[in-house]
Protein backbone atom coordinates (compact mmCIF):
# COMPACT_ATOMS: atom_id res chain seq x y z
CA MET A 1 104.35 190.25 112.02
CA ILE A 2 103.27 189.64 108.62
CA LEU A 3 106.97 188.99 107.38
CA TYR A 4 107.21 186.56 110.22
CA PHE A 5 103.90 184.48 109.06
CA ILE A 6 106.16 184.79 105.33
CA TYR A 7 109.05 183.55 106.67
CA LEU A 8 107.36 181.07 107.96
CA LEU A 9 105.38 180.04 104.76
CA LEU A 10 109.00 180.48 102.48
CA SER A 11 110.52 177.45 105.23
CA PRO A 12 109.92 174.30 103.16
CA PHE A 13 111.88 176.13 100.13
CA LEU A 14 114.23 177.57 102.10
CA TRP A 15 115.43 173.88 103.67
CA LEU A 16 115.42 173.04 100.03
CA ALA A 17 117.96 175.67 99.41
CA LEU A 18 120.09 174.83 102.57
CA PHE A 19 119.95 171.38 101.25
CA ILE A 20 121.54 172.18 97.89
CA TYR A 21 123.85 174.67 99.60
CA SER A 22 125.03 171.74 101.51
CA PHE A 23 126.75 170.06 98.54
CA PHE A 24 129.05 173.15 98.20
CA ASN A 25 129.48 174.21 101.49
CA ASP A 26 131.65 172.04 104.23
CA LYS A 27 130.54 173.36 107.11
CA VAL A 28 126.75 173.38 106.43
CA ARG A 29 127.18 169.47 105.16
CA GLU A 30 129.07 168.93 108.79
CA LYS A 31 126.07 170.61 110.81
CA MET A 32 123.60 168.93 108.71
CA LYS A 33 124.91 165.26 109.57
CA GLN A 34 125.88 165.73 112.78
CA GLN A 35 123.16 168.25 114.39
CA ASN A 36 120.70 165.67 115.08
CA LEU A 37 123.01 163.31 116.82
CA THR A 38 124.41 165.69 119.10
CA VAL A 39 121.16 167.41 119.67
CA LYS A 40 119.97 163.65 120.79
CA LYS A 41 122.88 163.38 123.28
CA ALA A 42 122.46 166.53 124.69
CA ILE A 43 118.92 165.92 125.97
CA ARG A 44 119.91 162.39 127.23
CA ILE A 45 122.52 164.10 129.36
CA ILE A 46 120.19 166.53 130.62
CA GLU A 47 117.60 164.45 131.57
CA ASN A 48 120.59 161.91 133.43
CA ASP A 49 122.22 164.68 135.26
CA ARG A 50 120.52 167.62 135.76
CA GLY A 51 118.64 166.73 138.63
CA ARG A 52 116.94 169.78 140.22
CA LYS A 53 118.95 172.24 138.21
CA GLU A 54 117.17 174.37 136.08
CA VAL A 55 118.42 174.70 132.50
CA VAL A 56 120.41 177.59 130.75
CA ILE A 57 120.99 177.71 126.74
CA PHE A 58 123.74 179.75 125.95
CA HIS A 59 123.91 180.21 122.51
CA ALA A 60 126.91 181.61 120.07
CA ALA A 61 127.18 181.44 116.29
CA SER A 62 130.56 181.94 115.95
CA ALA A 63 134.31 181.77 117.85
CA GLY A 64 134.41 185.92 118.66
CA GLU A 65 130.41 185.22 120.22
CA TYR A 66 131.40 182.57 122.19
CA GLU A 67 134.45 184.68 123.43
CA GLN A 68 131.85 187.42 124.02
CA ILE A 69 129.93 184.97 126.71
CA LYS A 70 133.00 183.29 128.44
CA PRO A 71 132.42 185.87 131.17
CA LEU A 72 129.42 185.31 132.17
CA LEU A 73 130.05 181.35 132.01
CA SER A 74 132.58 181.85 134.12
CA ARG A 75 130.21 183.53 137.25
CA ILE A 76 127.11 181.33 136.57
CA ASN A 77 126.16 179.68 139.63
CA ARG A 78 126.99 175.66 138.90
CA LYS A 79 124.93 174.35 141.64
CA LYS A 80 121.97 175.84 140.51
CA PHE A 81 121.89 176.39 136.88
CA PHE A 82 122.68 173.40 134.28
CA ILE A 83 124.50 174.69 131.34
CA LEU A 84 123.63 173.80 127.96
CA GLN A 85 126.22 175.43 125.55
CA THR A 86 124.75 175.84 121.47
CA PHE A 87 126.90 176.28 118.83
CA ALA A 88 126.06 177.24 114.50
CA SER A 89 129.42 176.63 113.12
CA PRO A 90 131.27 173.26 113.06
CA THR A 91 134.58 175.23 113.57
CA ILE A 92 133.60 176.62 116.79
CA TYR A 93 131.83 173.21 117.70
CA ASN A 94 134.46 171.12 117.31
CA VAL A 95 137.33 173.01 118.96
CA GLU A 96 135.18 173.75 122.79
CA ASN A 97 132.63 170.98 122.61
CA LYS A 98 134.62 169.61 125.83
CA SER A 99 135.27 173.00 127.39
CA ASP A 100 134.60 172.79 131.17
CA LEU A 101 132.71 176.15 131.41
CA PHE A 102 129.36 174.31 130.42
CA ASP A 103 127.75 170.96 131.04
CA VAL A 104 126.79 169.98 127.74
CA CYS A 105 127.16 171.39 124.64
CA CYS A 106 125.06 170.94 120.99
CA TYR A 107 124.31 172.34 117.41
CA LEU A 108 121.38 174.86 117.42
CA PRO A 109 118.90 173.69 115.19
CA PHE A 110 118.66 175.20 111.75
CA ASP A 111 116.00 177.31 112.31
CA PHE A 112 112.41 175.83 111.61
CA PHE A 113 109.56 175.92 113.70
CA ILE A 114 108.96 172.51 114.18
CA SER A 115 112.60 171.14 114.83
CA SER A 116 113.06 175.00 116.81
CA TYR A 117 109.85 173.86 118.98
CA LEU A 118 110.75 170.31 120.02
CA PHE A 119 114.81 171.50 120.81
CA PHE A 120 113.03 173.88 123.42
CA LYS A 121 110.49 171.54 124.68
CA LYS A 122 112.66 168.55 125.14
CA THR A 123 115.32 170.57 126.41
CA ARG A 124 113.27 171.72 129.27
CA ALA A 125 114.98 174.91 129.28
CA VAL A 126 113.79 177.79 131.66
CA TYR A 127 116.47 180.79 130.06
CA PHE A 128 117.70 181.45 126.10
CA ILE A 129 120.48 183.57 126.67
CA ASN A 130 121.88 184.73 122.76
CA THR A 131 124.46 187.47 122.11
CA ARG A 132 125.18 190.02 119.61
CA HIS A 133 122.80 190.39 116.80
CA ASP A 134 121.83 186.18 115.84
CA VAL A 135 118.35 186.46 116.57
CA TRP A 136 116.35 183.75 115.12
CA PRO A 137 113.50 184.52 114.55
CA ASN A 138 111.62 180.89 115.23
CA SER A 139 114.05 180.48 118.19
CA VAL A 140 112.70 183.64 119.50
CA VAL A 141 108.85 182.73 118.68
CA CYS A 142 109.12 179.44 120.19
CA CYS A 143 111.34 180.84 123.53
CA LYS A 144 107.93 182.89 123.88
CA LEU A 145 105.42 179.94 123.21
CA LEU A 146 106.86 177.95 125.44
CA LYS A 147 107.72 180.61 128.64
CA ILE A 148 111.51 180.38 128.74
CA LYS A 149 113.04 183.61 129.41
CA SER A 150 114.87 184.88 126.35
CA VAL A 151 117.84 187.53 126.75
CA ILE A 152 120.12 188.96 124.35
CA VAL A 153 123.12 190.26 125.82
CA ASN A 154 125.37 192.60 123.85
CA ALA A 155 122.58 193.29 121.49
CA ASN A 156 124.18 195.17 118.05
CA LEU A 157 122.04 197.60 116.13
CA HIS A 158 123.68 200.28 114.33
CA ILE A 159 122.24 203.47 112.45
CA LYS A 160 123.24 201.33 109.07
CA SER A 161 121.58 197.98 109.65
CA MET A 162 119.33 196.52 107.38
CA LYS A 163 117.38 195.54 110.34
CA ILE A 164 115.91 199.54 110.29
CA LYS A 165 115.40 199.33 106.47
CA PRO A 166 111.82 200.37 105.77
CA VAL A 167 111.54 196.68 103.93
CA VAL A 168 112.01 194.44 107.40
CA LYS A 169 112.24 196.92 110.03
CA ASN A 170 108.76 195.45 111.08
CA LEU A 171 110.00 192.18 111.36
CA TYR A 172 112.79 193.02 114.02
CA SER A 173 110.66 195.41 115.66
CA PHE A 174 108.49 192.17 116.48
CA LEU A 175 111.39 189.68 117.05
CA TYR A 176 113.29 192.15 119.24
CA SER A 177 109.59 192.48 121.84
CA GLN A 178 109.65 189.09 121.91
CA PHE A 179 112.60 189.27 124.01
CA ASP A 180 112.17 189.38 127.77
CA LEU A 181 115.43 191.43 128.40
CA ILE A 182 117.96 193.28 125.95
CA PHE A 183 120.99 194.24 127.05
CA CYS A 184 122.92 196.77 125.33
CA PRO A 185 126.29 198.56 125.24
CA SER A 186 125.08 202.22 125.02
CA LYS A 187 122.93 204.93 124.62
CA ARG A 188 123.60 205.14 121.23
CA ILE A 189 122.80 201.43 120.50
CA GLU A 190 119.69 202.28 123.16
CA LYS A 191 118.40 204.76 120.60
CA VAL A 192 118.46 203.08 117.29
CA PHE A 193 116.51 200.34 119.35
CA ASN A 194 114.42 203.04 120.00
CA GLN A 195 113.56 204.03 116.32
CA ILE A 196 112.43 200.67 115.38
CA GLY A 197 109.34 200.66 118.76
CA ILE A 198 111.58 198.93 121.00
CA ASN A 199 111.71 200.75 124.72
CA ASN A 200 110.80 198.18 127.17
CA ASN A 201 113.03 195.66 128.58
CA LEU A 202 115.88 197.89 127.44
CA ILE A 203 119.31 197.88 129.92
CA ILE A 204 122.56 199.34 129.05
CA ALA A 205 125.56 197.36 129.94
CA ALA A 206 128.87 197.51 129.43
CA ASP A 207 129.77 195.07 126.61
CA THR A 208 130.81 191.41 127.78
CA ARG A 209 133.64 191.45 125.20
CA ILE A 210 135.84 194.09 127.14
CA ASN A 211 135.74 191.77 129.66
CA GLN A 212 136.90 188.76 127.92
CA ILE A 213 139.70 191.25 126.80
CA ILE A 214 140.92 192.11 129.86
CA ASN A 215 140.83 188.53 131.07
CA ARG A 216 142.77 187.39 128.08
CA SER A 217 145.58 190.48 128.42
CA LYS A 218 146.33 189.46 132.20
CA GLU A 219 146.76 185.44 131.31
CA SER A 220 148.27 185.98 127.37
CA SER A 221 151.37 184.68 126.49
CA LYS A 222 153.86 187.49 126.26
CA ASN A 223 156.31 185.00 124.99
CA ILE A 224 155.66 185.08 121.20
CA PHE A 225 158.31 187.42 121.04
CA ASP A 226 161.72 187.95 122.76
CA ASN A 227 160.92 190.91 125.31
CA ARG A 228 163.91 192.86 123.80
CA LEU A 229 161.39 193.74 121.27
CA LYS A 230 160.07 195.87 123.81
CA GLU A 231 162.51 198.01 123.35
CA TYR A 232 161.83 199.31 120.19
CA SER A 233 158.81 201.94 119.21
CA ASN A 234 156.29 199.19 117.58
CA ILE A 235 153.79 199.45 115.25
CA VAL A 236 151.60 196.79 114.52
CA PHE A 237 148.98 196.60 111.60
CA GLY A 238 146.31 194.29 112.55
CA SER A 239 143.73 192.29 110.79
CA ILE A 240 144.50 194.19 107.21
CA ASP A 241 143.14 193.07 104.05
CA LYS A 242 144.14 194.20 100.55
CA ILE A 243 142.45 197.44 100.96
CA ASP A 244 144.08 198.08 104.31
CA ILE A 245 147.48 197.17 102.66
CA ASN A 246 147.47 199.55 99.53
CA VAL A 247 147.11 202.34 102.25
CA ILE A 248 149.70 201.80 104.61
CA VAL A 249 151.87 200.94 101.92
CA GLY A 250 151.92 204.55 100.76
CA ALA A 251 151.86 205.53 104.30
CA MET A 252 155.44 204.00 104.79
CA ASN A 253 156.28 204.95 101.50
CA ASP A 254 155.73 208.83 102.42
CA ALA A 255 157.56 208.15 106.22
CA TYR A 256 160.21 206.00 105.40
CA PRO A 257 161.48 207.30 101.85
CA ASN A 258 164.50 205.29 102.56
CA LYS A 259 162.40 202.03 103.21
CA ASN A 260 163.92 200.16 105.94
CA GLU A 261 166.80 201.91 106.71
CA ASP A 262 164.36 204.82 107.75
CA ILE A 263 162.94 202.37 110.08
CA LYS A 264 165.98 200.98 111.72
CA ASN A 265 167.40 204.22 111.87
CA LYS A 266 164.13 205.12 114.08
CA LYS A 267 164.42 202.13 115.99
CA GLN A 268 161.20 200.81 115.24
CA LYS A 269 159.63 197.48 113.65
CA ILE A 270 156.93 197.41 111.99
CA ILE A 271 154.27 193.90 112.76
CA ILE A 272 151.80 193.12 109.68
CA VAL A 273 149.06 190.52 110.91
CA PRO A 274 146.92 189.89 107.71
CA HIS A 275 142.97 189.10 108.70
CA GLU A 276 142.84 185.84 106.53
CA CYS A 277 146.14 183.82 106.77
CA ASP A 278 145.48 181.86 103.52
CA LYS A 279 148.13 181.76 100.60
CA GLN A 280 146.36 183.77 98.64
CA SER A 281 145.45 187.05 101.23
CA VAL A 282 149.23 186.70 102.20
CA LEU A 283 150.36 187.60 99.00
CA GLU A 284 147.82 190.40 98.55
CA ILE A 285 149.70 191.71 101.38
CA VAL A 286 152.87 190.53 100.22
CA LYS A 287 153.20 192.19 96.75
CA PRO A 288 152.41 195.95 97.34
CA LEU A 289 155.34 195.65 100.04
CA LYS A 290 158.05 194.20 97.29
CA ASP A 291 156.55 196.82 94.60
CA SER A 292 158.13 199.75 96.98
CA ARG A 293 160.88 197.94 97.86
CA PHE A 294 160.27 197.01 101.40
CA SER A 295 162.11 193.81 102.65
CA PHE A 296 160.72 191.66 104.91
CA SER A 297 160.42 188.55 107.02
CA PHE A 298 157.67 185.81 108.23
CA TYR A 299 157.03 185.14 111.56
CA GLU A 300 158.66 182.41 113.75
CA SER A 301 158.71 181.33 117.18
CA LYS A 302 161.43 183.01 118.84
CA MET A 303 162.86 184.75 115.90
CA ASP A 304 165.93 186.95 115.94
CA PHE A 305 164.45 190.01 114.97
CA LYS A 306 167.94 192.08 115.37
CA ASP A 307 168.04 192.47 111.68
CA THR A 308 164.41 192.79 110.64
CA GLN A 309 162.31 195.74 110.44
CA ILE A 310 159.09 194.63 109.19
CA ILE A 311 157.59 191.35 110.62
CA ILE A 312 154.80 189.06 108.90
CA ILE A 313 152.88 187.29 111.21
CA ASN A 314 150.47 184.29 108.76
CA LYS A 315 149.69 182.65 111.64
CA THR A 316 146.10 182.70 113.14
CA GLY A 317 145.11 183.14 116.89
CA ILE A 318 148.05 185.32 118.15
CA LEU A 319 147.39 189.25 117.34
CA ALA A 320 145.40 190.24 120.19
CA ASP A 321 148.87 188.93 122.01
CA VAL A 322 151.29 190.80 119.93
CA TYR A 323 149.60 194.05 121.27
CA TYR A 324 151.23 193.85 123.81
CA PHE A 325 154.72 194.74 122.28
CA SER A 326 153.16 197.65 119.73
CA LEU A 327 153.28 201.89 120.90
CA LEU A 328 150.92 202.43 117.88
CA THR A 329 148.01 199.93 116.50
CA TYR A 330 145.96 200.74 113.20
CA VAL A 331 142.95 198.23 112.86
CA GLY A 332 141.96 197.15 109.45
CA GLY A 333 138.81 196.68 107.95
CA GLY A 334 137.86 200.79 108.02
CA PHE A 335 138.30 201.18 104.63
CA GLY A 336 135.72 198.00 103.59
CA LYS A 337 133.07 196.32 105.09
CA GLY A 338 133.98 197.38 108.60
CA VAL A 339 136.89 198.27 111.21
CA HIS A 340 137.59 195.08 113.29
CA ASN A 341 138.47 194.37 117.02
CA VAL A 342 140.06 198.28 118.35
CA ILE A 343 139.62 197.08 122.12
CA GLU A 344 142.97 194.10 122.03
CA PRO A 345 145.59 196.79 121.25
CA LEU A 346 143.65 199.49 123.67
CA VAL A 347 144.12 197.16 126.49
CA TYR A 348 147.94 197.61 126.24
CA ASP A 349 147.24 201.41 125.87
CA ASN A 350 148.20 201.71 122.42
CA ARG A 351 147.63 204.43 119.98
CA VAL A 352 144.81 203.16 118.23
CA CYS A 353 144.00 204.34 114.92
CA PHE A 354 141.33 202.86 111.73
CA GLY A 355 140.03 203.69 108.58
CA PRO A 356 136.37 205.21 108.57
CA ASN A 357 134.10 202.65 108.25
CA ILE A 358 132.93 202.36 112.12
CA SER A 359 129.63 202.78 112.86
CA LEU A 360 129.17 199.03 112.91
CA LEU A 361 131.11 198.91 115.49
CA ASP A 362 130.10 200.81 118.61
CA GLU A 363 133.40 200.44 120.42
CA ALA A 364 134.84 202.07 117.21
CA VAL A 365 132.58 205.50 117.25
CA ASP A 366 132.77 205.43 121.77
CA LEU A 367 136.67 205.28 121.22
CA VAL A 368 136.75 208.76 118.59
CA GLU A 369 133.81 210.33 120.68
CA LYS A 370 135.98 209.75 123.71
CA GLN A 371 139.17 211.07 121.61
CA ILE A 372 141.43 207.79 122.68
CA GLY A 373 141.01 206.07 118.99
CA ASN A 374 141.81 207.97 115.86
CA ILE A 375 140.27 207.95 112.33
CA VAL A 376 143.17 207.72 109.17
CA HIS A 377 140.66 208.84 106.15
CA SER A 378 144.20 208.20 103.60
CA ALA A 379 147.59 207.41 103.68
CA SER A 380 148.74 211.08 104.13
CA ASP A 381 147.12 210.73 107.49
CA LEU A 382 148.72 207.44 108.56
CA SER A 383 151.97 209.07 107.72
CA VAL A 384 151.86 211.63 110.10
CA LEU A 385 151.00 209.37 112.92
CA LEU A 386 153.71 206.97 111.74
CA LYS A 387 155.83 209.71 111.78
CA ASN A 388 155.22 210.23 115.68
CA VAL A 389 155.58 207.17 117.19
CA GLU A 390 157.47 207.30 120.26
CA PHE A 391 157.64 206.18 124.02
CA ASN A 392 155.25 207.40 126.36
CA CYS A 393 153.04 209.48 123.41
CA TYR A 394 149.84 209.30 125.62
CA ASP A 395 149.70 211.90 128.05
CA LYS A 396 148.25 211.72 131.25
CA GLU A 397 144.52 213.08 129.91
CA VAL A 398 144.04 210.19 127.76
CA THR A 399 145.65 206.88 130.04
CA ASP A 400 142.74 208.30 132.28
CA LYS A 401 140.43 207.98 129.60
CA ILE A 402 141.48 204.74 128.13
CA SER A 403 141.76 203.56 132.21
CA SER A 404 137.73 204.76 132.11
CA PHE A 405 137.03 203.00 129.11
CA PHE A 406 137.49 199.76 130.48
CA ASP A 407 136.20 200.41 134.17
CA CYS A 408 133.07 200.26 132.74
CA THR A 409 133.17 196.74 132.91
CA ASN A 410 133.21 196.42 136.72
CA SER A 411 129.85 195.58 137.45
CA ASN A 412 128.58 194.35 134.32
CA ILE A 413 128.78 190.88 134.77
CA ASP A 414 126.99 191.48 138.33
CA LEU A 415 124.01 193.51 136.60
CA MET A 416 123.11 191.38 134.12
CA ILE A 417 123.32 187.72 136.05
CA ASN A 418 121.14 189.57 138.64
CA THR A 419 118.97 190.91 136.44
CA ILE A 420 118.39 187.35 134.29
CA PHE A 421 118.25 185.14 137.29
CA ILE A 422 116.41 187.18 139.81
CA ASN A 423 114.54 185.81 142.01
CA ALA A 424 116.22 181.99 140.52
């Protein structure tokens, strides 16, 4: 509570710092220019079009978080509820502002008390539904003051989070206590919430991100490659950075001493997808491959892969579809700040592996505990997996475990909607 008041007192200085920062950051500058306009437009549409419907605000800070709430948005009764979707980033706002998953959208105001209070009051919202870990102090407190039912789904709080450190623990204990409902994906995360004194209004429900991954796998494009590529024992190195590539090339040098010729003889293809596709990031991936005398080709639509053993995809937005063609996937980030999305390849029954830094991603911990995901600690660990890639590399016990993992989402959306909108 004391830290929250300090946060309030510092708000004028934070606003000034944000204003100065906007001169150096295009996204912040764009949001500062457009925020009030989008909010005014949204409120005008609410006043004119909502009728007797109750206003529900869904918030997504980023494109990834928006993907996570899509399964909820698609199941809301639009005859009873008027949906206001808020975003934090221009990147996702500019792409999705005309989506038919909601009635209207705008930017969520920067987290200053007066702007937050006026925003929630003018929208006449009855519900505010947030996701993952984007918890803004004034938004949460204003909802409490205005008796708006506030909910966070897919709540993520891991054992190494700064939120449970002694200095800020009390602040987040206070903020999470303001929520009416907290849906967390596992007992493991529930216990971390308990550590900061949050014991009530906690409900365990599978992460909606898994629902969206399943939905996408059913609808995704399977024609990014010729389907004959499925005849090979393909390996995907997905969402990798310069730390990952050093481990990967070390493993490849061991597994394929004769370089591309060995890959060809084993009837494999290696597909590499950088986490970032800007020129510098791609160069960081390419250089170690060249230095180790591996040859490669860059991805092209409908490319002829017959004489290509290594394909580098320097294009964003198609990684989840690439996994359809692979048997073994190494997911990047686990040797750096934290492993990236490990569920996208699993939905295609890939054998999934990643570096050791998994504590930030509950699903990765889950995969290891259920023995359907492998931690690699070194290039030699990864080399062993590369040498043993073959069709039907999973026995029935493992495939049953994978099916069971995805079965956990069968009722999570119904549970969330029925609990949030009880008696509505």
